[in-house]
Amino acid sequence: MTHPALSRRTLLGAGAAAVAGVAAGLPVRPALAKAPQLNTQAPYFYRFRIGSIEATVVSDGALPLGEPSASFLGTSKEEVGKMLTEHFLPADNVVLEQNALVVNTGDKLVLFDTGMGGLKLFGPTTGRLLSSMKQAGIDPKDIDAVVMSHAHIDHCGGCMADDGTRNFPALISSPTFGPLTVYPSWNARYTTGMNMSR
């Protein structure tokens, strides 16, 4: 397919035709610009179904773990760096997305893990679970039970608010479940600064 050559004569003719169209009273429409910048992130939740159950994954935010070789035991620092670089990830800081699961059975609303809460042990990007739940239309007061996958602070730190109240009021009268094998080995390094007796 051949394309006509663009010449000065062609440009002048197109310009004259446009002026004639305006003079003839044809409607003039403004040029459409790009969409305005919103400067906000998409909500941090994802909802799906498992049969009759509705499941919602909500984010507690990014969890920076720091220097990667400490997180990948049994693998050399060079191997870890190569693996991360090959997957376009920074080789100097491992960052995970900290997620929790909310399951709605129709009768019960169950939360699996509570994230970091107000604790900033891993930096300012964690502790967003409550806002993510609100974005997903889930009120923490409606949680019927909490299931802890294990008792690391990034999974149970969100049970309590900074002021000592419970983030999930139903925990006063409702069960909290977790693997019994974890609790005997759970020591002071995970509870520093937290009063778990409330």
N, C-alpha and C. Protein backbone atom coordinates (compact mmCIF):
# COMPACT_ATOMS: atom_id res chain seq x y z
N MET A 1 0.84 -1.17 0.00
CA MET A 1 0.00 0.00 0.00
C MET A 1 0.89 1.24 0.00
N THR A 2 0.57 2.19 -0.86
CA THR A 2 1.36 3.41 -0.92
C THR A 2 0.66 4.51 -0.15
N HIS A 3 1.45 5.39 0.44
CA HIS A 3 0.92 6.51 1.21
C HIS A 3 1.22 7.79 0.44
N PRO A 4 0.24 8.70 0.41
CA PRO A 4 0.50 9.96 -0.29
C PRO A 4 1.59 10.75 0.42
N ALA A 5 2.38 11.42 -0.35
CA ALA A 5 3.46 12.23 0.22
C ALA A 5 2.86 13.46 0.88
N LEU A 6 3.41 13.84 2.01
CA LEU A 6 2.95 15.02 2.73
C LEU A 6 3.74 16.21 2.23
N SER A 7 3.03 17.16 1.63
CA SER A 7 3.72 18.33 1.09
C SER A 7 3.15 19.60 1.71
N ARG A 8 3.81 20.70 1.43
CA ARG A 8 3.32 21.98 1.93
C ARG A 8 1.95 22.30 1.34
N ARG A 9 1.75 21.93 0.08
CA ARG A 9 0.47 22.17 -0.59
C ARG A 9 -0.65 21.39 0.10
N THR A 10 -0.38 20.11 0.51
CA THR A 10 -1.39 19.28 1.19
C THR A 10 -1.75 19.89 2.54
N LEU A 11 -0.76 20.33 3.30
CA LEU A 11 -1.01 20.94 4.59
C LEU A 11 -1.82 22.22 4.47
N LEU A 12 -1.48 23.07 3.49
CA LEU A 12 -2.23 24.32 3.29
C LEU A 12 -3.68 24.02 2.91
N GLY A 13 -3.88 23.01 2.07
CA GLY A 13 -5.23 22.63 1.65
C GLY A 13 -6.05 22.13 2.83
N ALA A 14 -5.45 21.31 3.71
CA ALA A 14 -6.15 20.80 4.88
C ALA A 14 -6.50 21.94 5.82
N GLY A 15 -5.58 22.89 6.00
CA GLY A 15 -5.83 24.04 6.86
C GLY A 15 -6.96 24.89 6.31
N ALA A 16 -6.98 25.12 5.00
CA ALA A 16 -8.04 25.91 4.38
C ALA A 16 -9.38 25.22 4.52
N ALA A 17 -9.41 23.91 4.39
CA ALA A 17 -10.66 23.16 4.53
C ALA A 17 -11.19 23.28 5.96
N ALA A 18 -10.30 23.24 6.96
CA ALA A 18 -10.72 23.38 8.35
C ALA A 18 -11.31 24.76 8.61
N VAL A 19 -10.67 25.82 8.09
CA VAL A 19 -11.18 27.18 8.27
C VAL A 19 -12.53 27.32 7.58
N ALA A 20 -12.67 26.74 6.41
CA ALA A 20 -13.95 26.81 5.69
C ALA A 20 -15.04 26.09 6.47
N GLY A 21 -14.71 24.96 7.11
CA GLY A 21 -15.70 24.23 7.90
C GLY A 21 -16.18 25.04 9.09
N VAL A 22 -15.27 25.74 9.75
CA VAL A 22 -15.65 26.58 10.89
C VAL A 22 -16.51 27.73 10.40
N ALA A 23 -16.11 28.35 9.27
CA ALA A 23 -16.87 29.47 8.71
C ALA A 23 -18.26 29.03 8.28
N ALA A 24 -18.41 27.79 7.87
CA ALA A 24 -19.71 27.28 7.42
C ALA A 24 -20.62 26.92 8.59
N GLY A 25 -20.12 27.03 9.82
CA GLY A 25 -20.94 26.77 10.99
C GLY A 25 -20.93 25.34 11.47
N LEU A 26 -20.00 24.53 11.02
CA LEU A 26 -19.90 23.16 11.53
C LEU A 26 -19.48 23.22 13.00
N PRO A 27 -20.01 22.34 13.83
CA PRO A 27 -19.67 22.39 15.26
C PRO A 27 -18.18 22.13 15.49
N VAL A 28 -17.64 22.90 16.40
CA VAL A 28 -16.23 22.73 16.75
C VAL A 28 -16.19 22.09 18.14
N ARG A 29 -15.47 21.01 18.24
CA ARG A 29 -15.34 20.31 19.53
C ARG A 29 -13.92 20.50 20.05
N PRO A 30 -13.80 20.69 21.36
CA PRO A 30 -12.43 20.81 21.90
C PRO A 30 -11.71 19.46 21.83
N ALA A 31 -10.42 19.53 21.72
CA ALA A 31 -9.62 18.30 21.71
C ALA A 31 -9.72 17.64 23.08
N LEU A 32 -9.83 16.32 23.10
CA LEU A 32 -9.92 15.59 24.35
C LEU A 32 -8.52 15.37 24.90
N ALA A 33 -8.32 15.75 26.14
CA ALA A 33 -7.02 15.57 26.78
C ALA A 33 -6.99 14.22 27.48
N LYS A 34 -5.83 13.87 28.00
CA LYS A 34 -5.70 12.65 28.80
C LYS A 34 -6.56 12.76 30.04
N ALA A 35 -6.85 11.62 30.65
CA ALA A 35 -7.62 11.61 31.89
C ALA A 35 -6.82 12.32 32.99
N PRO A 36 -7.50 12.96 33.92
CA PRO A 36 -6.76 13.64 35.00
C PRO A 36 -6.06 12.62 35.90
N GLN A 37 -4.96 13.02 36.47
CA GLN A 37 -4.24 12.15 37.40
C GLN A 37 -5.00 12.09 38.72
N LEU A 38 -5.16 10.88 39.25
CA LEU A 38 -5.92 10.70 40.47
C LEU A 38 -5.04 10.67 41.71
N ASN A 39 -3.78 10.29 41.55
CA ASN A 39 -2.83 10.22 42.66
C ASN A 39 -3.29 9.34 43.81
N THR A 40 -4.02 8.29 43.52
CA THR A 40 -4.45 7.33 44.53
C THR A 40 -4.19 5.92 44.02
N GLN A 41 -4.01 5.00 44.94
CA GLN A 41 -3.83 3.60 44.59
C GLN A 41 -5.19 2.94 44.46
N ALA A 42 -5.21 1.84 43.74
CA ALA A 42 -6.42 1.02 43.70
C ALA A 42 -6.63 0.43 45.09
N PRO A 43 -7.88 0.17 45.46
CA PRO A 43 -8.12 -0.42 46.79
C PRO A 43 -7.34 -1.73 46.97
N TYR A 44 -6.90 -1.96 48.21
CA TYR A 44 -6.08 -3.12 48.54
C TYR A 44 -6.92 -4.31 48.94
N PHE A 45 -7.81 -4.76 48.07
CA PHE A 45 -8.54 -5.98 48.38
C PHE A 45 -8.91 -6.70 47.08
N TYR A 46 -9.17 -8.01 47.21
CA TYR A 46 -9.60 -8.82 46.08
C TYR A 46 -10.65 -9.81 46.60
N ARG A 47 -11.79 -9.86 45.95
CA ARG A 47 -12.90 -10.69 46.40
C ARG A 47 -13.17 -11.79 45.38
N PHE A 48 -13.46 -12.99 45.89
CA PHE A 48 -13.78 -14.12 45.02
C PHE A 48 -14.69 -15.09 45.77
N ARG A 49 -15.20 -16.08 45.06
CA ARG A 49 -16.13 -17.04 45.66
C ARG A 49 -15.50 -18.43 45.67
N ILE A 50 -15.86 -19.17 46.72
CA ILE A 50 -15.51 -20.59 46.83
C ILE A 50 -16.84 -21.29 47.11
N GLY A 51 -17.51 -21.72 46.05
CA GLY A 51 -18.85 -22.28 46.21
C GLY A 51 -19.78 -21.20 46.74
N SER A 52 -20.42 -21.45 47.88
CA SER A 52 -21.35 -20.47 48.46
C SER A 52 -20.65 -19.48 49.39
N ILE A 53 -19.37 -19.64 49.61
CA ILE A 53 -18.61 -18.78 50.52
C ILE A 53 -17.98 -17.62 49.74
N GLU A 54 -18.04 -16.44 50.34
CA GLU A 54 -17.36 -15.29 49.75
C GLU A 54 -16.06 -15.06 50.52
N ALA A 55 -14.96 -14.97 49.79
CA ALA A 55 -13.65 -14.74 50.40
C ALA A 55 -13.11 -13.40 49.90
N THR A 56 -12.50 -12.66 50.81
CA THR A 56 -11.91 -11.37 50.47
C THR A 56 -10.49 -11.32 51.02
N VAL A 57 -9.53 -11.10 50.15
CA VAL A 57 -8.15 -10.90 50.56
C VAL A 57 -7.96 -9.40 50.76
N VAL A 58 -7.52 -9.02 51.96
CA VAL A 58 -7.28 -7.61 52.29
C VAL A 58 -5.81 -7.44 52.65
N SER A 59 -5.25 -6.30 52.29
CA SER A 59 -3.81 -6.07 52.49
C SER A 59 -3.54 -5.32 53.77
N ASP A 60 -2.46 -5.71 54.43
CA ASP A 60 -1.94 -4.95 55.56
C ASP A 60 -0.81 -4.04 55.10
N GLY A 61 -0.49 -4.09 53.80
CA GLY A 61 0.56 -3.24 53.24
C GLY A 61 1.82 -4.02 52.93
N ALA A 62 2.77 -3.33 52.37
CA ALA A 62 4.05 -3.94 52.01
C ALA A 62 4.88 -4.19 53.27
N LEU A 63 5.51 -5.35 53.31
CA LEU A 63 6.29 -5.76 54.48
C LEU A 63 7.76 -5.89 54.05
N PRO A 64 8.57 -4.84 54.23
CA PRO A 64 9.97 -4.91 53.85
C PRO A 64 10.77 -5.71 54.88
N LEU A 65 11.39 -6.78 54.43
CA LEU A 65 12.15 -7.64 55.34
C LEU A 65 13.63 -7.30 55.38
N GLY A 66 14.08 -6.44 54.48
CA GLY A 66 15.49 -6.04 54.49
C GLY A 66 16.38 -6.92 53.65
N GLU A 67 17.62 -6.99 54.06
CA GLU A 67 18.65 -7.73 53.31
C GLU A 67 18.21 -9.17 53.09
N PRO A 68 18.14 -9.63 51.82
CA PRO A 68 17.53 -10.90 51.49
C PRO A 68 18.23 -12.16 52.00
N SER A 69 19.54 -12.15 52.11
CA SER A 69 20.22 -13.41 52.45
C SER A 69 19.82 -13.92 53.83
N ALA A 70 19.36 -13.03 54.72
CA ALA A 70 18.92 -13.47 56.04
C ALA A 70 17.57 -14.19 55.99
N SER A 71 16.80 -13.95 54.93
CA SER A 71 15.48 -14.57 54.80
C SER A 71 15.52 -15.89 54.04
N PHE A 72 16.55 -16.13 53.26
CA PHE A 72 16.65 -17.34 52.45
C PHE A 72 17.80 -18.20 52.98
N LEU A 73 17.54 -18.92 54.04
CA LEU A 73 18.57 -19.73 54.67
C LEU A 73 18.94 -20.92 53.78
N GLY A 74 20.21 -21.28 53.80
CA GLY A 74 20.67 -22.41 53.01
C GLY A 74 20.98 -22.07 51.56
N THR A 75 20.85 -20.81 51.21
CA THR A 75 21.14 -20.35 49.85
C THR A 75 22.18 -19.24 49.95
N SER A 76 23.16 -19.28 49.07
CA SER A 76 24.23 -18.27 49.14
C SER A 76 23.68 -16.89 48.78
N LYS A 77 24.37 -15.87 49.28
CA LYS A 77 23.98 -14.49 49.01
C LYS A 77 23.99 -14.22 47.50
N GLU A 78 24.96 -14.81 46.80
CA GLU A 78 25.06 -14.61 45.36
C GLU A 78 23.86 -15.24 44.64
N GLU A 79 23.46 -16.46 45.07
CA GLU A 79 22.31 -17.12 44.46
C GLU A 79 21.02 -16.32 44.68
N VAL A 80 20.85 -15.81 45.89
CA VAL A 80 19.66 -15.02 46.20
C VAL A 80 19.65 -13.76 45.35
N GLY A 81 20.78 -13.06 45.28
CA GLY A 81 20.88 -11.86 44.46
C GLY A 81 20.57 -12.12 43.00
N LYS A 82 21.09 -13.22 42.47
CA LYS A 82 20.84 -13.59 41.07
C LYS A 82 19.36 -13.89 40.85
N MET A 83 18.76 -14.64 41.75
CA MET A 83 17.35 -15.00 41.63
C MET A 83 16.46 -13.75 41.65
N LEU A 84 16.73 -12.84 42.56
CA LEU A 84 15.93 -11.62 42.65
C LEU A 84 16.12 -10.75 41.41
N THR A 85 17.38 -10.57 40.99
CA THR A 85 17.67 -9.75 39.81
C THR A 85 17.01 -10.30 38.56
N GLU A 86 17.04 -11.62 38.40
CA GLU A 86 16.42 -12.25 37.22
C GLU A 86 14.91 -12.04 37.18
N HIS A 87 14.32 -11.74 38.34
CA HIS A 87 12.87 -11.51 38.41
C HIS A 87 12.55 -10.03 38.61
N PHE A 88 13.53 -9.18 38.25
CA PHE A 88 13.37 -7.73 38.27
C PHE A 88 13.01 -7.19 39.66
N LEU A 89 13.54 -7.82 40.69
CA LEU A 89 13.32 -7.40 42.07
C LEU A 89 14.61 -6.83 42.63
N PRO A 90 14.53 -5.91 43.58
CA PRO A 90 15.75 -5.35 44.15
C PRO A 90 16.53 -6.42 44.91
N ALA A 91 17.82 -6.42 44.74
CA ALA A 91 18.67 -7.43 45.38
C ALA A 91 19.08 -7.04 46.80
N ASP A 92 18.69 -5.83 47.24
CA ASP A 92 19.12 -5.37 48.56
C ASP A 92 17.99 -5.33 49.60
N ASN A 93 16.75 -5.66 49.20
CA ASN A 93 15.63 -5.58 50.14
C ASN A 93 14.48 -6.47 49.66
N VAL A 94 14.11 -7.46 50.46
CA VAL A 94 12.98 -8.32 50.13
C VAL A 94 11.71 -7.65 50.66
N VAL A 95 10.73 -7.46 49.78
CA VAL A 95 9.47 -6.84 50.18
C VAL A 95 8.34 -7.80 49.84
N LEU A 96 7.55 -8.14 50.85
CA LEU A 96 6.39 -9.03 50.66
C LEU A 96 5.12 -8.22 50.81
N GLU A 97 4.05 -8.67 50.19
CA GLU A 97 2.74 -8.08 50.40
C GLU A 97 2.09 -8.85 51.53
N GLN A 98 1.77 -8.18 52.62
CA GLN A 98 1.19 -8.82 53.80
C GLN A 98 -0.33 -8.82 53.65
N ASN A 99 -0.91 -10.00 53.45
CA ASN A 99 -2.35 -10.12 53.22
C ASN A 99 -3.02 -10.92 54.32
N ALA A 100 -4.29 -10.65 54.52
CA ALA A 100 -5.14 -11.42 55.42
C ALA A 100 -6.38 -11.84 54.64
N LEU A 101 -7.04 -12.87 55.11
CA LEU A 101 -8.21 -13.40 54.42
C LEU A 101 -9.44 -13.22 55.31
N VAL A 102 -10.52 -12.72 54.73
CA VAL A 102 -11.80 -12.63 55.42
C VAL A 102 -12.77 -13.56 54.70
N VAL A 103 -13.35 -14.50 55.44
CA VAL A 103 -14.28 -15.47 54.86
C VAL A 103 -15.68 -15.18 55.38
N ASN A 104 -16.62 -15.00 54.46
CA ASN A 104 -18.01 -14.77 54.81
C ASN A 104 -18.80 -16.02 54.42
N THR A 105 -19.25 -16.75 55.43
CA THR A 105 -19.99 -17.99 55.18
C THR A 105 -21.48 -17.74 54.96
N GLY A 106 -21.91 -16.50 55.16
CA GLY A 106 -23.32 -16.18 55.13
C GLY A 106 -23.86 -16.03 56.54
N ASP A 107 -23.34 -16.84 57.47
CA ASP A 107 -23.72 -16.76 58.88
C ASP A 107 -22.62 -16.14 59.73
N LYS A 108 -21.37 -16.38 59.34
CA LYS A 108 -20.22 -15.92 60.13
C LYS A 108 -19.23 -15.19 59.23
N LEU A 109 -18.53 -14.24 59.87
CA LEU A 109 -17.46 -13.51 59.20
C LEU A 109 -16.18 -13.82 59.97
N VAL A 110 -15.24 -14.50 59.30
CA VAL A 110 -14.03 -15.00 59.96
C VAL A 110 -12.81 -14.33 59.33
N LEU A 111 -11.94 -13.79 60.19
CA LEU A 111 -10.71 -13.15 59.75
C LEU A 111 -9.54 -14.08 60.03
N PHE A 112 -8.69 -14.31 59.03
CA PHE A 112 -7.48 -15.11 59.19
C PHE A 112 -6.29 -14.17 59.24
N ASP A 113 -5.70 -14.03 60.43
CA ASP A 113 -4.57 -13.16 60.72
C ASP A 113 -5.00 -11.70 60.78
N THR A 114 -4.25 -10.90 61.54
CA THR A 114 -4.63 -9.50 61.77
C THR A 114 -3.57 -8.50 61.36
N GLY A 115 -2.47 -8.96 60.76
CA GLY A 115 -1.44 -8.03 60.31
C GLY A 115 -0.67 -7.42 61.46
N MET A 116 0.02 -6.32 61.17
CA MET A 116 0.91 -5.67 62.13
C MET A 116 0.20 -4.71 63.08
N GLY A 117 -0.98 -4.25 62.73
CA GLY A 117 -1.62 -3.23 63.56
C GLY A 117 -0.84 -1.93 63.47
N GLY A 118 -0.79 -1.19 64.55
CA GLY A 118 -0.09 0.09 64.57
C GLY A 118 1.42 -0.03 64.74
N LEU A 119 1.91 -1.24 64.93
CA LEU A 119 3.35 -1.44 65.13
C LEU A 119 4.10 -1.15 63.83
N LYS A 120 5.19 -0.44 63.92
CA LYS A 120 5.97 -0.07 62.74
C LYS A 120 7.36 -0.71 62.79
N LEU A 121 7.42 -1.95 63.27
CA LEU A 121 8.70 -2.65 63.38
C LEU A 121 9.35 -2.88 62.02
N PHE A 122 8.54 -2.94 60.96
CA PHE A 122 9.08 -3.15 59.61
C PHE A 122 8.97 -1.89 58.76
N GLY A 123 8.68 -0.76 59.38
CA GLY A 123 8.60 0.50 58.64
C GLY A 123 7.17 0.99 58.48
N PRO A 124 7.01 2.09 57.76
CA PRO A 124 5.72 2.79 57.67
C PRO A 124 4.71 2.19 56.69
N THR A 125 5.08 1.14 55.97
CA THR A 125 4.17 0.63 54.93
C THR A 125 3.22 -0.44 55.42
N THR A 126 3.35 -0.86 56.67
CA THR A 126 2.46 -1.90 57.20
C THR A 126 1.35 -1.26 58.04
N GLY A 127 0.45 -2.09 58.54
CA GLY A 127 -0.61 -1.59 59.42
C GLY A 127 -1.80 -1.01 58.69
N ARG A 128 -2.07 -1.50 57.49
CA ARG A 128 -3.16 -0.94 56.68
C ARG A 128 -4.38 -1.85 56.62
N LEU A 129 -4.40 -2.90 57.44
CA LEU A 129 -5.48 -3.88 57.37
C LEU A 129 -6.85 -3.25 57.60
N LEU A 130 -7.00 -2.45 58.63
CA LEU A 130 -8.31 -1.86 58.93
C LEU A 130 -8.81 -0.97 57.80
N SER A 131 -7.92 -0.18 57.21
CA SER A 131 -8.36 0.68 56.09
C SER A 131 -8.68 -0.17 54.86
N SER A 132 -7.93 -1.25 54.63
CA SER A 132 -8.23 -2.14 53.50
C SER A 132 -9.58 -2.82 53.70
N MET A 133 -9.87 -3.22 54.94
CA MET A 133 -11.16 -3.83 55.23
C MET A 133 -12.29 -2.85 54.96
N LYS A 134 -12.10 -1.59 55.38
CA LYS A 134 -13.14 -0.58 55.13
C LYS A 134 -13.34 -0.36 53.64
N GLN A 135 -12.24 -0.33 52.87
CA GLN A 135 -12.36 -0.19 51.42
C GLN A 135 -13.16 -1.34 50.82
N ALA A 136 -13.03 -2.52 51.41
CA ALA A 136 -13.74 -3.71 50.93
C ALA A 136 -15.16 -3.79 51.48
N GLY A 137 -15.56 -2.81 52.31
CA GLY A 137 -16.91 -2.81 52.86
C GLY A 137 -17.08 -3.74 54.05
N ILE A 138 -15.98 -4.06 54.72
CA ILE A 138 -16.02 -4.95 55.88
C ILE A 138 -15.76 -4.14 57.14
N ASP A 139 -16.70 -4.19 58.07
CA ASP A 139 -16.56 -3.47 59.34
C ASP A 139 -15.89 -4.41 60.35
N PRO A 140 -14.77 -4.00 60.95
CA PRO A 140 -14.11 -4.86 61.94
C PRO A 140 -15.02 -5.30 63.08
N LYS A 141 -16.03 -4.50 63.40
CA LYS A 141 -16.97 -4.86 64.47
C LYS A 141 -17.83 -6.07 64.08
N ASP A 142 -17.88 -6.39 62.79
CA ASP A 142 -18.70 -7.51 62.33
C ASP A 142 -17.96 -8.85 62.33
N ILE A 143 -16.67 -8.84 62.64
CA ILE A 143 -15.89 -10.08 62.65
C ILE A 143 -16.37 -10.97 63.79
N ASP A 144 -16.72 -12.22 63.48
CA ASP A 144 -17.22 -13.17 64.48
C ASP A 144 -16.11 -13.98 65.14
N ALA A 145 -15.03 -14.25 64.41
CA ALA A 145 -13.92 -15.04 64.95
C ALA A 145 -12.65 -14.69 64.20
N VAL A 146 -11.51 -14.86 64.88
CA VAL A 146 -10.20 -14.64 64.28
C VAL A 146 -9.42 -15.94 64.35
N VAL A 147 -8.81 -16.32 63.23
CA VAL A 147 -7.96 -17.51 63.17
C VAL A 147 -6.54 -17.03 62.91
N MET A 148 -5.62 -17.36 63.81
CA MET A 148 -4.21 -16.99 63.64
C MET A 148 -3.48 -18.16 62.99
N SER A 149 -2.83 -17.89 61.87
CA SER A 149 -2.05 -18.96 61.23
C SER A 149 -0.86 -19.33 62.10
N HIS A 150 -0.25 -18.32 62.74
CA HIS A 150 0.82 -18.52 63.71
C HIS A 150 1.03 -17.21 64.46
N ALA A 151 1.83 -17.25 65.49
CA ALA A 151 1.91 -16.12 66.41
C ALA A 151 3.09 -15.20 66.17
N HIS A 152 3.47 -14.98 64.92
CA HIS A 152 4.46 -13.94 64.64
C HIS A 152 3.75 -12.60 64.64
N ILE A 153 4.46 -11.56 65.00
CA ILE A 153 3.87 -10.25 65.20
C ILE A 153 3.22 -9.71 63.93
N ASP A 154 3.72 -10.08 62.74
CA ASP A 154 3.11 -9.59 61.50
C ASP A 154 1.81 -10.33 61.17
N HIS A 155 1.43 -11.30 62.00
CA HIS A 155 0.17 -12.02 61.81
C HIS A 155 -0.83 -11.76 62.94
N CYS A 156 -0.34 -11.34 64.12
CA CYS A 156 -1.25 -11.13 65.25
C CYS A 156 -1.17 -9.74 65.85
N GLY A 157 -0.28 -8.89 65.35
CA GLY A 157 -0.10 -7.56 65.93
C GLY A 157 -1.31 -6.66 65.80
N GLY A 158 -2.19 -6.95 64.85
CA GLY A 158 -3.35 -6.11 64.63
C GLY A 158 -4.54 -6.41 65.52
N CYS A 159 -4.41 -7.36 66.44
CA CYS A 159 -5.53 -7.64 67.36
C CYS A 159 -5.85 -6.44 68.23
N MET A 160 -4.81 -5.71 68.63
CA MET A 160 -4.97 -4.61 69.57
C MET A 160 -4.67 -3.28 68.88
N ALA A 161 -5.43 -2.25 69.23
CA ALA A 161 -5.17 -0.89 68.75
C ALA A 161 -4.09 -0.25 69.61
N ASP A 162 -3.54 0.84 69.16
CA ASP A 162 -2.49 1.53 69.91
C ASP A 162 -2.95 1.97 71.30
N ASP A 163 -4.24 2.25 71.45
CA ASP A 163 -4.75 2.71 72.74
C ASP A 163 -5.12 1.57 73.68
N GLY A 164 -4.85 0.32 73.28
CA GLY A 164 -5.12 -0.83 74.13
C GLY A 164 -6.48 -1.47 73.93
N THR A 165 -7.32 -0.87 73.09
CA THR A 165 -8.62 -1.47 72.81
C THR A 165 -8.45 -2.55 71.73
N ARG A 166 -9.45 -3.36 71.59
CA ARG A 166 -9.40 -4.41 70.57
C ARG A 166 -9.85 -3.85 69.23
N ASN A 167 -9.09 -4.16 68.16
CA ASN A 167 -9.50 -3.76 66.82
C ASN A 167 -10.73 -4.53 66.37
N PHE A 168 -10.94 -5.71 66.94
CA PHE A 168 -12.07 -6.56 66.58
C PHE A 168 -12.84 -6.84 67.85
N PRO A 169 -13.82 -6.00 68.19
CA PRO A 169 -14.52 -6.09 69.48
C PRO A 169 -15.11 -7.46 69.78
N ALA A 170 -15.46 -8.22 68.77
CA ALA A 170 -16.05 -9.54 69.02
C ALA A 170 -15.07 -10.48 69.70
N LEU A 171 -13.77 -10.14 69.72
CA LEU A 171 -12.78 -11.02 70.36
C LEU A 171 -13.00 -11.15 71.85
N ILE A 172 -13.76 -10.24 72.44
CA ILE A 172 -14.05 -10.32 73.87
C ILE A 172 -14.89 -11.56 74.16
N SER A 173 -15.87 -11.82 73.29
CA SER A 173 -16.79 -12.93 73.54
C SER A 173 -16.68 -14.04 72.52
N SER A 174 -15.87 -13.84 71.47
CA SER A 174 -15.76 -14.85 70.42
C SER A 174 -14.39 -15.50 70.45
N PRO A 175 -14.30 -16.67 69.87
CA PRO A 175 -13.03 -17.39 69.92
C PRO A 175 -11.97 -16.82 68.99
N THR A 176 -10.74 -16.99 69.44
CA THR A 176 -9.57 -16.76 68.60
C THR A 176 -8.89 -18.11 68.48
N PHE A 177 -8.67 -18.55 67.25
CA PHE A 177 -8.11 -19.87 67.01
C PHE A 177 -6.68 -19.74 66.51
N GLY A 178 -5.86 -20.73 66.81
CA GLY A 178 -4.50 -20.75 66.31
C GLY A 178 -3.89 -22.11 66.56
N PRO A 179 -2.78 -22.40 65.90
CA PRO A 179 -2.14 -23.69 66.10
C PRO A 179 -1.56 -23.81 67.52
N LEU A 180 -1.99 -24.80 68.26
CA LEU A 180 -1.55 -24.95 69.64
C LEU A 180 -0.06 -25.21 69.77
N THR A 181 0.57 -25.76 68.74
CA THR A 181 2.00 -26.05 68.81
C THR A 181 2.83 -24.78 68.81
N VAL A 182 2.28 -23.65 68.38
CA VAL A 182 3.04 -22.41 68.32
C VAL A 182 3.15 -21.75 69.68
N TYR A 183 2.08 -21.75 70.46
CA TYR A 183 2.04 -20.96 71.68
C TYR A 183 3.10 -21.33 72.71
N PRO A 184 3.41 -22.61 72.95
CA PRO A 184 4.47 -22.88 73.94
C PRO A 184 5.83 -22.31 73.56
N SER A 185 6.11 -22.20 72.27
CA SER A 185 7.41 -21.70 71.85
C SER A 185 7.41 -20.19 71.59
N TRP A 186 6.29 -19.56 71.77
CA TRP A 186 6.17 -18.12 71.54
C TRP A 186 6.81 -17.40 72.71
N ASN A 187 7.90 -16.70 72.46
CA ASN A 187 8.63 -16.11 73.59
C ASN A 187 8.61 -14.59 73.55
N ALA A 188 9.32 -13.97 74.47
CA ALA A 188 9.25 -12.53 74.68
C ALA A 188 9.65 -11.71 73.45
N ARG A 189 10.45 -12.24 72.56
CA ARG A 189 10.87 -11.41 71.42
C ARG A 189 9.69 -11.06 70.52
N TYR A 190 8.59 -11.83 70.54
CA TYR A 190 7.42 -11.52 69.73
C TYR A 190 6.43 -10.64 70.47
N THR A 191 6.55 -10.52 71.77
CA THR A 191 5.56 -9.75 72.53
C THR A 191 6.12 -8.46 73.10
N THR A 192 7.32 -8.11 72.74
CA THR A 192 7.93 -6.89 73.26
C THR A 192 7.02 -5.70 72.99
N GLY A 193 6.64 -5.03 74.05
CA GLY A 193 5.80 -3.85 73.91
C GLY A 193 4.32 -4.15 73.79
N MET A 194 3.93 -5.43 73.80
CA MET A 194 2.51 -5.77 73.67
C MET A 194 2.02 -6.44 74.93
N ASN A 195 0.89 -6.05 75.40
CA ASN A 195 0.26 -6.72 76.53
C ASN A 195 -0.83 -7.63 75.98
N MET A 196 -0.54 -8.92 75.90
CA MET A 196 -1.47 -9.87 75.30
C MET A 196 -2.59 -10.29 76.26
N SER A 197 -2.58 -9.79 77.50
CA SER A 197 -3.60 -10.21 78.45
C SER A 197 -4.89 -9.41 78.34
N ARG A 198 -4.92 -8.41 77.49
CA ARG A 198 -6.12 -7.59 77.37
C ARG A 198 -7.19 -8.31 76.61
